[in-house]
N, C-alpha and C. Protein backbone atom coordinates (compact mmCIF):
# COMPACT_ATOMS: atom_id res chain seq x y z
N MET A 1 -6.36 4.92 14.10
CA MET A 1 -6.04 6.20 13.60
C MET A 1 -7.34 6.71 12.98
N THR A 2 -7.76 7.97 13.30
CA THR A 2 -9.03 8.45 12.80
C THR A 2 -8.71 9.82 12.09
N THR A 3 -9.41 10.09 10.94
CA THR A 3 -9.32 11.34 10.31
C THR A 3 -10.66 12.09 10.55
N LYS A 4 -10.62 13.40 10.53
CA LYS A 4 -11.84 14.18 10.78
C LYS A 4 -12.91 13.81 9.72
N GLY A 5 -14.08 13.51 10.24
CA GLY A 5 -15.23 13.25 9.44
C GLY A 5 -15.16 12.01 8.56
N GLU A 6 -14.17 11.18 8.84
CA GLU A 6 -14.04 9.99 7.99
C GLU A 6 -14.10 8.73 8.92
N LYS A 7 -14.31 7.56 8.21
CA LYS A 7 -14.28 6.31 8.99
C LYS A 7 -12.86 6.07 9.50
N PRO A 8 -12.71 5.47 10.63
CA PRO A 8 -11.35 5.19 11.12
C PRO A 8 -10.64 4.23 10.23
N PHE A 9 -9.36 4.40 10.12
CA PHE A 9 -8.58 3.42 9.34
C PHE A 9 -7.41 3.06 10.20
N ILE A 10 -6.99 1.83 10.04
CA ILE A 10 -5.92 1.27 10.85
C ILE A 10 -4.88 0.69 10.00
N LEU A 11 -3.58 1.17 10.12
CA LEU A 11 -2.46 0.55 9.42
C LEU A 11 -2.01 -0.67 10.19
N PRO A 12 -1.55 -1.69 9.47
CA PRO A 12 -1.03 -2.83 10.21
C PRO A 12 0.27 -2.40 11.03
N PRO A 13 0.61 -3.15 11.98
CA PRO A 13 1.75 -2.71 12.74
C PRO A 13 2.96 -2.58 11.87
N ILE A 14 3.77 -1.59 12.15
CA ILE A 14 5.05 -1.35 11.42
C ILE A 14 6.14 -1.97 12.24
N SER A 15 6.95 -2.77 11.61
CA SER A 15 7.95 -3.51 12.35
C SER A 15 9.23 -3.65 11.58
N LYS A 16 10.35 -3.47 12.31
CA LYS A 16 11.68 -3.70 11.61
C LYS A 16 11.87 -5.16 11.28
N ALA A 17 11.11 -6.04 11.90
CA ALA A 17 11.23 -7.42 11.60
C ALA A 17 10.44 -7.84 10.33
N ALA A 18 9.51 -6.98 9.99
CA ALA A 18 8.68 -7.26 8.77
C ALA A 18 9.52 -7.04 7.50
N PRO A 19 9.16 -7.68 6.41
CA PRO A 19 9.90 -7.43 5.24
C PRO A 19 9.71 -6.01 4.70
N GLY A 20 10.77 -5.42 4.14
CA GLY A 20 10.72 -4.11 3.57
C GLY A 20 10.99 -3.01 4.53
N PRO A 21 11.39 -1.86 4.05
CA PRO A 21 11.69 -0.71 4.91
C PRO A 21 10.46 -0.21 5.58
N LEU A 22 10.58 0.44 6.72
CA LEU A 22 9.45 0.94 7.52
C LEU A 22 8.61 1.90 6.64
N TYR A 23 9.21 2.79 5.92
CA TYR A 23 8.41 3.75 5.11
C TYR A 23 7.56 3.04 4.05
N ALA A 24 8.15 1.96 3.50
CA ALA A 24 7.40 1.15 2.46
C ALA A 24 6.19 0.43 3.13
N GLN A 25 6.30 0.03 4.32
CA GLN A 25 5.23 -0.62 5.06
C GLN A 25 4.13 0.45 5.26
N ILE A 26 4.43 1.69 5.56
CA ILE A 26 3.49 2.72 5.68
C ILE A 26 2.81 2.97 4.36
N VAL A 27 3.59 3.08 3.25
CA VAL A 27 2.99 3.32 1.97
C VAL A 27 2.01 2.28 1.64
N ASP A 28 2.46 0.99 1.81
CA ASP A 28 1.58 -0.13 1.44
C ASP A 28 0.32 -0.12 2.30
N GLY A 29 0.44 0.21 3.59
CA GLY A 29 -0.75 0.33 4.44
C GLY A 29 -1.76 1.33 4.01
N ILE A 30 -1.29 2.54 3.64
CA ILE A 30 -2.12 3.60 3.25
C ILE A 30 -2.77 3.24 1.85
N LYS A 31 -2.03 2.63 0.97
CA LYS A 31 -2.56 2.24 -0.31
C LYS A 31 -3.71 1.24 -0.08
N ARG A 32 -3.52 0.31 0.83
CA ARG A 32 -4.52 -0.69 1.12
C ARG A 32 -5.79 -0.01 1.66
N GLU A 33 -5.60 0.96 2.55
CA GLU A 33 -6.74 1.68 3.13
C GLU A 33 -7.54 2.43 2.03
N ILE A 34 -6.84 2.98 1.10
CA ILE A 34 -7.51 3.67 0.01
C ILE A 34 -8.16 2.65 -0.89
N SER A 35 -7.44 1.59 -1.30
CA SER A 35 -8.00 0.54 -2.18
C SER A 35 -9.25 -0.06 -1.67
N GLU A 36 -9.27 -0.26 -0.35
CA GLU A 36 -10.42 -0.93 0.35
C GLU A 36 -11.51 0.06 0.72
N GLY A 37 -11.36 1.31 0.40
CA GLY A 37 -12.37 2.30 0.62
C GLY A 37 -12.54 2.84 2.05
N ARG A 38 -11.52 2.63 2.89
CA ARG A 38 -11.55 3.20 4.21
C ARG A 38 -10.97 4.62 4.24
N LEU A 39 -10.27 5.00 3.15
CA LEU A 39 -9.84 6.39 2.97
C LEU A 39 -10.36 6.89 1.65
N ASN A 40 -11.28 7.83 1.68
CA ASN A 40 -11.95 8.33 0.47
C ASN A 40 -11.18 9.53 -0.09
N PRO A 41 -11.46 9.89 -1.35
CA PRO A 41 -10.86 11.12 -1.89
C PRO A 41 -11.19 12.31 -1.05
N GLY A 42 -10.15 13.11 -0.79
CA GLY A 42 -10.33 14.30 0.04
C GLY A 42 -10.07 14.04 1.53
N ALA A 43 -9.95 12.77 1.89
CA ALA A 43 -9.82 12.47 3.31
C ALA A 43 -8.44 12.98 3.84
N ALA A 44 -8.47 13.61 5.03
CA ALA A 44 -7.28 14.14 5.58
C ALA A 44 -6.50 12.97 6.24
N LEU A 45 -5.17 13.00 6.02
CA LEU A 45 -4.24 11.99 6.67
C LEU A 45 -3.64 12.62 7.89
N PRO A 46 -3.28 11.85 8.83
CA PRO A 46 -2.63 12.40 10.06
C PRO A 46 -1.36 13.22 9.65
N SER A 47 -0.98 14.16 10.51
CA SER A 47 0.24 14.93 10.29
C SER A 47 1.46 13.95 10.42
N PHE A 48 2.60 14.41 9.87
CA PHE A 48 3.80 13.54 10.00
C PHE A 48 4.01 13.19 11.44
N ARG A 49 3.96 14.20 12.30
CA ARG A 49 4.23 14.02 13.72
C ARG A 49 3.24 13.04 14.35
N ALA A 50 1.98 13.24 14.11
CA ALA A 50 0.94 12.37 14.74
C ALA A 50 1.08 10.92 14.32
N LEU A 51 1.34 10.71 13.00
CA LEU A 51 1.51 9.34 12.54
C LEU A 51 2.76 8.69 13.06
N ALA A 52 3.84 9.47 13.12
CA ALA A 52 5.12 8.97 13.62
C ALA A 52 4.95 8.58 15.09
N GLU A 53 4.23 9.33 15.89
CA GLU A 53 4.02 8.99 17.26
C GLU A 53 3.14 7.77 17.40
N GLU A 54 2.12 7.67 16.60
CA GLU A 54 1.22 6.55 16.68
C GLU A 54 1.89 5.26 16.27
N LEU A 55 2.75 5.32 15.19
CA LEU A 55 3.38 4.10 14.69
C LEU A 55 4.76 3.81 15.41
N LEU A 56 5.14 4.74 16.26
CA LEU A 56 6.45 4.62 16.96
C LEU A 56 7.64 4.52 15.95
N VAL A 57 7.64 5.45 14.98
CA VAL A 57 8.70 5.52 14.02
C VAL A 57 9.17 7.00 13.98
N SER A 58 10.23 7.21 13.21
CA SER A 58 10.72 8.58 13.13
C SER A 58 9.94 9.40 12.19
N LEU A 59 10.04 10.75 12.42
CA LEU A 59 9.33 11.66 11.61
C LEU A 59 9.81 11.55 10.07
N ILE A 60 11.09 11.28 9.94
CA ILE A 60 11.67 11.16 8.60
C ILE A 60 11.07 9.97 7.86
N THR A 61 10.78 8.86 8.60
CA THR A 61 10.14 7.68 8.00
C THR A 61 8.81 8.03 7.45
N VAL A 62 7.97 8.74 8.17
CA VAL A 62 6.63 9.12 7.74
C VAL A 62 6.79 10.10 6.59
N LYS A 63 7.66 11.06 6.71
CA LYS A 63 7.82 12.03 5.60
C LYS A 63 8.22 11.31 4.30
N ARG A 64 9.07 10.35 4.40
CA ARG A 64 9.45 9.59 3.13
C ARG A 64 8.28 8.86 2.53
N ALA A 65 7.44 8.20 3.40
CA ALA A 65 6.26 7.48 2.98
C ALA A 65 5.30 8.47 2.28
N TYR A 66 5.06 9.59 2.86
CA TYR A 66 4.19 10.60 2.31
C TYR A 66 4.73 11.16 0.94
N GLN A 67 6.04 11.31 0.87
CA GLN A 67 6.61 11.81 -0.32
C GLN A 67 6.48 10.80 -1.47
N ASP A 68 6.65 9.51 -1.20
CA ASP A 68 6.45 8.47 -2.16
C ASP A 68 5.01 8.39 -2.68
N LEU A 69 4.10 8.51 -1.67
CA LEU A 69 2.61 8.49 -2.08
C LEU A 69 2.29 9.74 -2.93
N GLU A 70 2.86 10.87 -2.56
CA GLU A 70 2.62 12.10 -3.32
C GLU A 70 3.21 12.00 -4.73
N SER A 71 4.43 11.42 -4.84
CA SER A 71 5.00 11.31 -6.16
C SER A 71 4.25 10.32 -7.07
N GLU A 72 3.50 9.37 -6.45
CA GLU A 72 2.68 8.46 -7.21
C GLU A 72 1.28 9.04 -7.49
N GLY A 73 1.03 10.27 -7.06
CA GLY A 73 -0.28 10.87 -7.31
C GLY A 73 -1.42 10.30 -6.50
N ILE A 74 -1.10 9.71 -5.37
CA ILE A 74 -2.10 9.18 -4.48
C ILE A 74 -2.56 10.18 -3.37
N ILE A 75 -1.70 10.97 -2.93
CA ILE A 75 -2.05 11.98 -1.91
C ILE A 75 -1.40 13.28 -2.40
N TYR A 76 -1.91 14.40 -1.74
CA TYR A 76 -1.33 15.72 -1.99
C TYR A 76 -1.29 16.46 -0.69
N ARG A 77 -0.38 17.46 -0.64
CA ARG A 77 -0.24 18.30 0.59
C ARG A 77 -0.66 19.75 0.20
N LYS A 78 -1.32 20.34 1.13
CA LYS A 78 -1.70 21.77 1.02
C LYS A 78 -0.97 22.49 2.19
N GLN A 79 -0.14 23.40 1.85
CA GLN A 79 0.66 24.11 2.86
C GLN A 79 -0.27 24.71 3.91
N GLY A 80 0.00 24.41 5.13
CA GLY A 80 -0.77 24.93 6.27
C GLY A 80 -2.11 24.18 6.57
N LEU A 81 -2.55 23.36 5.63
CA LEU A 81 -3.75 22.61 5.84
C LEU A 81 -3.63 21.14 6.12
N GLY A 82 -2.63 20.51 5.55
CA GLY A 82 -2.40 19.08 5.81
C GLY A 82 -2.22 18.25 4.55
N THR A 83 -2.37 16.99 4.73
CA THR A 83 -2.17 16.05 3.63
C THR A 83 -3.46 15.26 3.40
N PHE A 84 -3.84 15.10 2.13
CA PHE A 84 -5.12 14.54 1.78
C PHE A 84 -5.00 13.56 0.66
N VAL A 85 -6.03 12.65 0.55
CA VAL A 85 -6.05 11.64 -0.48
C VAL A 85 -6.57 12.40 -1.78
N CYS A 86 -5.81 12.20 -2.87
CA CYS A 86 -6.21 12.80 -4.16
C CYS A 86 -7.58 12.28 -4.63
N ASP A 87 -8.24 13.11 -5.47
CA ASP A 87 -9.52 12.72 -5.99
C ASP A 87 -9.40 11.37 -6.81
N ASN A 88 -8.22 11.22 -7.46
CA ASN A 88 -8.01 9.97 -8.19
C ASN A 88 -7.16 8.99 -7.37
N GLY A 89 -7.05 9.17 -6.12
CA GLY A 89 -6.19 8.36 -5.23
C GLY A 89 -6.56 6.85 -5.30
N LEU A 90 -7.83 6.56 -5.39
CA LEU A 90 -8.31 5.14 -5.42
C LEU A 90 -7.82 4.57 -6.70
N VAL A 91 -8.02 5.23 -7.87
CA VAL A 91 -7.62 4.73 -9.09
C VAL A 91 -6.09 4.57 -9.19
N ARG A 92 -5.36 5.59 -8.71
CA ARG A 92 -3.91 5.54 -8.77
C ARG A 92 -3.38 4.44 -7.85
N SER A 93 -3.99 4.28 -6.67
CA SER A 93 -3.58 3.25 -5.68
C SER A 93 -3.70 1.87 -6.29
N ARG A 94 -4.90 1.65 -6.93
CA ARG A 94 -5.16 0.35 -7.53
C ARG A 94 -4.32 0.10 -8.76
N GLU A 95 -4.02 1.18 -9.49
CA GLU A 95 -3.16 1.03 -10.66
C GLU A 95 -1.72 0.65 -10.25
N VAL A 96 -1.20 1.34 -9.21
CA VAL A 96 0.13 0.95 -8.68
C VAL A 96 0.14 -0.41 -8.14
N LYS A 97 -0.93 -0.80 -7.47
CA LYS A 97 -1.01 -2.24 -6.92
C LYS A 97 -1.08 -3.20 -8.07
N ARG A 98 -1.76 -2.84 -9.11
CA ARG A 98 -1.90 -3.82 -10.21
C ARG A 98 -0.47 -4.00 -10.87
N LEU A 99 0.28 -2.96 -11.05
CA LEU A 99 1.56 -2.98 -11.64
C LEU A 99 2.54 -3.81 -10.73
N GLN A 100 2.38 -3.66 -9.43
CA GLN A 100 3.19 -4.42 -8.46
C GLN A 100 2.82 -5.87 -8.57
N ALA A 101 1.50 -6.20 -8.72
CA ALA A 101 1.06 -7.57 -8.83
C ALA A 101 1.63 -8.20 -10.10
N GLU A 102 1.65 -7.40 -11.20
CA GLU A 102 2.13 -7.92 -12.46
C GLU A 102 3.64 -8.25 -12.29
N ASP A 103 4.39 -7.32 -11.69
CA ASP A 103 5.80 -7.62 -11.47
C ASP A 103 6.04 -8.88 -10.64
N LEU A 104 5.26 -9.03 -9.58
CA LEU A 104 5.36 -10.22 -8.76
C LEU A 104 5.04 -11.50 -9.53
N LEU A 105 3.98 -11.41 -10.36
CA LEU A 105 3.66 -12.57 -11.14
C LEU A 105 4.73 -12.89 -12.18
N ARG A 106 5.33 -11.93 -12.76
CA ARG A 106 6.51 -12.18 -13.67
C ARG A 106 7.64 -12.89 -12.87
N GLN A 107 7.88 -12.40 -11.68
CA GLN A 107 8.99 -13.02 -10.90
C GLN A 107 8.58 -14.41 -10.52
N ALA A 108 7.36 -14.62 -10.12
CA ALA A 108 6.94 -16.02 -9.75
C ALA A 108 7.02 -16.97 -10.95
N ILE A 109 6.66 -16.44 -12.11
CA ILE A 109 6.69 -17.33 -13.37
C ILE A 109 8.14 -17.66 -13.63
N ARG A 110 9.01 -16.64 -13.58
CA ARG A 110 10.44 -16.89 -13.81
C ARG A 110 10.95 -17.94 -12.84
N GLU A 111 10.60 -17.81 -11.54
CA GLU A 111 11.10 -18.71 -10.53
C GLU A 111 10.54 -20.13 -10.82
N GLY A 112 9.25 -20.23 -11.22
CA GLY A 112 8.68 -21.49 -11.58
C GLY A 112 9.38 -22.18 -12.77
N VAL A 113 9.62 -21.38 -13.80
CA VAL A 113 10.33 -21.90 -15.00
C VAL A 113 11.68 -22.42 -14.60
N GLU A 114 12.47 -21.60 -13.79
CA GLU A 114 13.75 -22.02 -13.30
C GLU A 114 13.71 -23.26 -12.43
N ALA A 115 12.57 -23.49 -11.83
CA ALA A 115 12.39 -24.69 -10.98
C ALA A 115 11.92 -25.91 -11.78
N GLY A 116 11.75 -25.64 -13.12
CA GLY A 116 11.44 -26.76 -14.00
C GLY A 116 9.96 -26.97 -14.19
N LEU A 117 9.09 -26.07 -13.75
CA LEU A 117 7.63 -26.24 -13.95
C LEU A 117 7.27 -25.90 -15.39
N ALA A 118 6.36 -26.66 -15.97
CA ALA A 118 5.87 -26.47 -17.30
C ALA A 118 4.78 -25.41 -17.19
N ASP A 119 4.42 -24.80 -18.31
CA ASP A 119 3.40 -23.76 -18.36
C ASP A 119 2.06 -24.31 -17.77
N SER A 120 1.72 -25.55 -18.15
CA SER A 120 0.50 -26.12 -17.63
C SER A 120 0.50 -26.26 -16.10
N GLU A 121 1.72 -26.62 -15.52
CA GLU A 121 1.77 -26.75 -14.08
C GLU A 121 1.73 -25.36 -13.41
N LEU A 122 2.27 -24.32 -14.01
CA LEU A 122 2.22 -23.00 -13.52
C LEU A 122 0.76 -22.53 -13.47
N LEU A 123 -0.05 -22.81 -14.55
CA LEU A 123 -1.34 -22.43 -14.59
C LEU A 123 -2.23 -23.16 -13.56
N LYS A 124 -1.95 -24.47 -13.40
CA LYS A 124 -2.63 -25.24 -12.39
C LYS A 124 -2.35 -24.74 -11.01
N LEU A 125 -1.15 -24.36 -10.76
CA LEU A 125 -0.74 -23.84 -9.44
C LEU A 125 -1.45 -22.53 -9.19
N ALA A 126 -1.44 -21.66 -10.25
CA ALA A 126 -2.11 -20.34 -10.08
C ALA A 126 -3.60 -20.46 -9.82
N LYS A 127 -4.23 -21.41 -10.52
CA LYS A 127 -5.69 -21.62 -10.33
C LYS A 127 -5.93 -22.14 -8.94
N ARG A 128 -5.09 -23.06 -8.46
CA ARG A 128 -5.26 -23.52 -7.07
C ARG A 128 -5.11 -22.46 -6.07
N LEU A 129 -4.09 -21.62 -6.20
CA LEU A 129 -3.87 -20.54 -5.28
C LEU A 129 -4.99 -19.54 -5.28
N LEU A 130 -5.58 -19.23 -6.51
CA LEU A 130 -6.71 -18.34 -6.60
C LEU A 130 -7.92 -18.93 -5.94
N LYS A 131 -8.15 -20.24 -5.93
CA LYS A 131 -9.26 -20.90 -5.26
C LYS A 131 -9.07 -20.76 -3.78
N GLU A 132 -7.84 -20.98 -3.32
CA GLU A 132 -7.56 -20.86 -1.87
C GLU A 132 -7.78 -19.50 -1.32
N LYS A 133 -7.53 -18.44 -2.23
CA LYS A 133 -7.78 -17.08 -1.80
C LYS A 133 -9.25 -16.82 -1.38
N GLY A 134 -10.14 -17.49 -1.98
CA GLY A 134 -11.59 -17.32 -1.69
C GLY A 134 -11.99 -18.05 -0.41
N ASP A 135 -11.17 -18.97 0.10
CA ASP A 135 -11.54 -19.75 1.27
C ASP A 135 -11.39 -18.94 2.56
């Protein structure tokens, strides 16, 4: 997928078999593209119809994804002109991702405690997983 005057960006394949609703997969993909610098502030996003055709999903699915991104302050729409990444889209995208990571870490800690892991074991596990991330 290419936007005018911008580097191409590619969303991962959208699949009913993947975890989460289709619109959420689109939201996550666009947030990732913004966070990783492939979609810059002011970059135009594809129209609802163009993205729906490219991803082989319904127009309603893309519209829902764009609405979620707009409500989070990551993108904005200009009537008759299209949909664009907000000037603070990178900051908002990373902030939302950080909050999601925090929630997931809370859930993982809760699961670990319920599994009988001590704080020291949880820290050791987290450090090991962080090391593996770099490999």
